Protein backbone atom coordinates (compact mmCIF):
# COMPACT_ATOMS: atom_id res chain seq x y z
CA UNK A 1 0.00 0.00 0.00
CA UNK A 2 2.90 2.37 0.70
CA UNK A 3 4.13 1.89 -2.86
CA UNK A 4 0.71 2.93 -4.21
CA UNK A 5 0.79 6.09 -2.07
CA UNK A 6 4.27 6.87 -3.38
CA UNK A 7 3.14 6.41 -6.98
CA UNK A 8 0.13 8.68 -6.49
CA UNK A 9 1.93 11.57 -4.76
CA UNK A 10 2.74 14.37 -7.20
CA UNK A 11 5.11 16.26 -4.93
CA UNK A 12 7.88 13.69 -4.65
CA UNK A 13 11.42 14.89 -4.25
CA UNK A 14 13.72 14.70 -7.29
CA UNK A 15 15.53 11.55 -6.17
CA UNK A 16 12.30 9.85 -5.17
CA UNK A 17 10.89 10.73 -8.59
CA UNK A 18 13.90 9.19 -10.27
CA UNK A 19 13.69 6.02 -8.18
CA UNK A 20 10.01 5.53 -8.97
CA UNK A 21 10.49 6.41 -12.62
CA UNK A 22 13.44 4.02 -13.05
CA UNK A 23 11.35 1.17 -11.68
CA UNK A 24 8.36 2.12 -13.86
CA UNK A 25 10.51 2.38 -17.00
CA UNK A 26 12.36 -0.86 -16.25
CA UNK A 27 9.09 -2.72 -15.76
CA UNK A 28 7.52 -1.09 -18.84
CA UNK A 29 10.45 -2.37 -20.89
CA UNK A 30 10.08 -5.81 -19.33
CA UNK A 31 13.64 -5.75 -18.02
CA UNK A 32 14.97 -7.29 -14.84
CA UNK A 33 17.43 -5.35 -12.70
CA UNK A 34 20.13 -7.56 -14.30
CA UNK A 35 19.01 -6.63 -17.82
CA UNK A 36 18.92 -2.93 -16.94
CA UNK A 37 22.35 -3.18 -15.35
CA UNK A 38 23.69 -4.87 -18.50
CA UNK A 39 22.28 -2.10 -20.70
CA UNK A 40 23.76 0.61 -18.48
CA UNK A 41 27.17 -1.10 -18.56
CA UNK A 42 27.00 -1.47 -22.37
CA UNK A 43 26.25 2.27 -22.59
CA UNK A 44 29.32 3.05 -20.48
CA UNK A 45 27.61 3.62 -17.12
CA UNK A 46 28.94 1.15 -14.55
CA UNK A 47 26.08 -0.21 -12.49
CA UNK A 48 25.47 -3.61 -10.92
CA UNK A 49 21.98 -5.12 -10.48
CA UNK A 50 22.11 -4.63 -6.72
CA UNK A 51 22.71 -0.90 -7.18
CA UNK A 52 19.72 -0.69 -9.55
CA UNK A 53 17.53 -2.40 -6.94
CA UNK A 54 18.83 -0.15 -4.13
CA UNK A 55 18.18 3.00 -6.21
CA UNK A 56 14.66 1.87 -7.09
CA UNK A 57 13.90 1.16 -3.45
CA UNK A 58 15.35 4.37 -2.05
CA UNK A 59 18.24 2.59 -0.32
CA UNK A 60 20.90 4.32 -2.42
CA UNK A 61 21.21 7.82 -3.82
CA UNK A 62 21.72 8.36 -7.52
CA UNK A 63 24.33 10.73 -8.90
CA UNK A 64 23.94 12.91 -11.96
CA UNK A 65 26.06 10.70 -14.24
CA UNK A 66 23.94 7.69 -13.31
CA UNK A 67 20.72 9.63 -13.92
CA UNK A 68 22.04 10.58 -17.35
CA UNK A 69 22.80 6.90 -17.99
CA UNK A 70 19.30 5.78 -17.02
CA UNK A 71 17.75 8.49 -19.21
CA UNK A 72 19.94 7.44 -22.15
CA UNK A 73 19.17 3.73 -21.75
CA UNK A 74 15.44 4.40 -21.45
CA UNK A 75 15.56 6.84 -24.39
CA UNK A 76 13.96 9.68 -22.44
CA UNK A 77 14.94 13.25 -21.66
CA UNK A 78 16.67 13.74 -18.31
CA UNK A 79 14.00 16.32 -17.35
CA UNK A 80 11.39 13.64 -17.95
CA UNK A 81 13.28 11.18 -15.72
CA UNK A 82 13.41 13.49 -12.70
CA UNK A 83 9.88 14.86 -12.95
CA UNK A 84 6.95 13.38 -11.09
CA UNK A 85 6.23 9.94 -12.60
CA UNK A 86 2.54 10.82 -12.99
CA UNK A 87 3.54 13.56 -15.39
CA UNK A 88 5.69 11.29 -17.56
CA UNK A 89 2.99 11.01 -20.22
CA UNK A 90 2.59 14.78 -20.22
CA UNK A 91 6.35 15.21 -20.44
CA UNK A 92 6.36 12.93 -23.48
CA UNK A 93 3.55 15.01 -24.96
CA UNK A 94 5.66 18.12 -24.36
CA UNK A 95 8.61 16.50 -26.15
CA UNK A 96 6.35 15.68 -29.11
CA UNK A 97 4.92 19.20 -29.11
CA UNK A 98 8.47 20.59 -29.12
CA UNK A 99 9.26 18.36 -32.10
CA UNK A 100 6.20 19.69 -33.96
CA UNK A 101 7.13 23.29 -33.19
CA UNK A 102 10.71 22.68 -34.33
CA UNK A 103 9.48 21.09 -37.55
CA UNK A 104 7.09 24.00 -38.13
CA UNK A 105 9.94 26.46 -37.64
CA UNK A 106 11.91 24.44 -40.18
CA UNK A 107 9.07 24.71 -42.69
CA UNK A 108 8.94 28.46 -42.12
CA UNK A 109 12.69 28.76 -42.77
CA UNK A 110 12.31 26.56 -45.86
CA UNK A 111 9.40 28.68 -47.11
CA UNK A 112 11.46 31.84 -46.65
CA UNK A 113 14.40 30.26 -48.52
CA UNK A 114 12.03 29.16 -51.31
CA UNK A 115 10.58 32.66 -51.60
CA UNK A 116 14.06 34.21 -51.76
CA UNK A 117 15.19 31.74 -54.41
CA UNK A 118 12.03 32.24 -56.46
CA UNK A 119 12.33 36.03 -56.18
CA UNK A 120 15.98 35.88 -57.29
CA UNK A 121 14.98 33.76 -60.30
CA UNK A 122 12.15 36.17 -61.15
CA UNK A 123 14.56 39.13 -61.06
CA UNK A 124 17.00 37.27 -63.29
CA UNK A 125 14.28 36.19 -65.72
CA UNK A 126 12.96 39.75 -65.92
CA UNK A 127 16.39 40.65 -67.28
CA UNK A 128 16.37 37.62 -69.64
CA UNK A 129 12.76 37.24 -70.86
CA UNK A 130 13.81 35.00 -73.75
CA UNK A 131 14.44 32.05 -71.36
CA UNK A 132 11.49 32.60 -68.98
CA UNK A 133 9.18 29.98 -70.50
CA UNK A 134 11.85 27.25 -70.48
CA UNK A 135 12.97 28.17 -66.95
CA UNK A 136 9.39 28.11 -65.66
CA UNK A 137 8.86 24.64 -67.16
CA UNK A 138 12.12 23.40 -65.60
CA UNK A 139 11.12 24.71 -62.17
CA UNK A 140 7.62 23.23 -62.43
CA UNK A 141 8.95 19.84 -63.55
CA UNK A 142 11.58 19.73 -60.81
CA UNK A 143 9.03 20.65 -58.14
CA UNK A 144 6.57 18.05 -59.44
CA UNK A 145 9.30 15.41 -59.33
CA UNK A 146 10.18 16.29 -55.73
CA UNK A 147 6.51 16.28 -54.73
CA UNK A 148 5.96 12.90 -56.41
CA UNK A 149 8.97 11.38 -54.64
CA UNK A 150 7.74 12.72 -51.31
CA UNK A 151 4.26 11.31 -51.88
CA UNK A 152 5.70 7.92 -52.83
CA UNK A 153 7.90 7.89 -49.73
CA UNK A 154 4.99 8.90 -47.50
CA UNK A 155 2.14 6.90 -48.99
CA UNK A 156 3.60 4.39 -51.45
CA UNK A 157 2.54 4.01 -55.06
CA UNK A 158 -1.09 4.54 -56.03
CA UNK A 159 -3.13 1.50 -57.05
CA UNK A 160 -2.93 2.65 -60.70
CA UNK A 161 0.87 2.83 -60.47
CA UNK A 162 0.99 -0.57 -58.81
CA UNK A 163 -0.99 -2.00 -61.73
CA UNK A 164 1.50 -0.45 -64.17
CA UNK A 165 4.41 -1.95 -62.20
CA UNK A 166 2.91 -5.45 -62.42
CA UNK A 167 2.31 -5.13 -66.11
CA UNK A 168 -1.50 -5.04 -66.02
CA UNK A 169 -2.92 -2.28 -68.14
CA UNK A 170 -6.45 -2.29 -66.83
CA UNK A 171 -7.78 -2.78 -70.37
CA UNK A 172 -10.09 -5.66 -71.28
């Protein structure tokens, strides 16, 4: 019953959070203390199974290097490891939100770079109107090719394209 109270308390101290979280993560991965110890050692963080058990059960303090090792082995952010275990799912959501925001910022930078490149081409083509039509076709074709590759990577070939690949023409 004491373990349940510990798991439900939001205001655990940092080390208590880490101890609970290590046990939760280890169990979620289906690892024994031996398996976790092996993974820590392989990652360059010396730890025996007894030390893992003692940390999980509050019998041994954890140092920063060890906390970094646990976070690395579990594939989670160190901030997520030390926060209240009940907020772990929210911390993961925050990591995913950060990834979305970073990707969005990347698209904004890419859009700005695209606009600059297109504007530079427009300025150049204004000075050389005799090649505008050919240049516009080249840009359109290149962009269509990139878009097609991206669609294929994301969604695979369409059913019509799959039929072409197998040699069926769809004609009776």
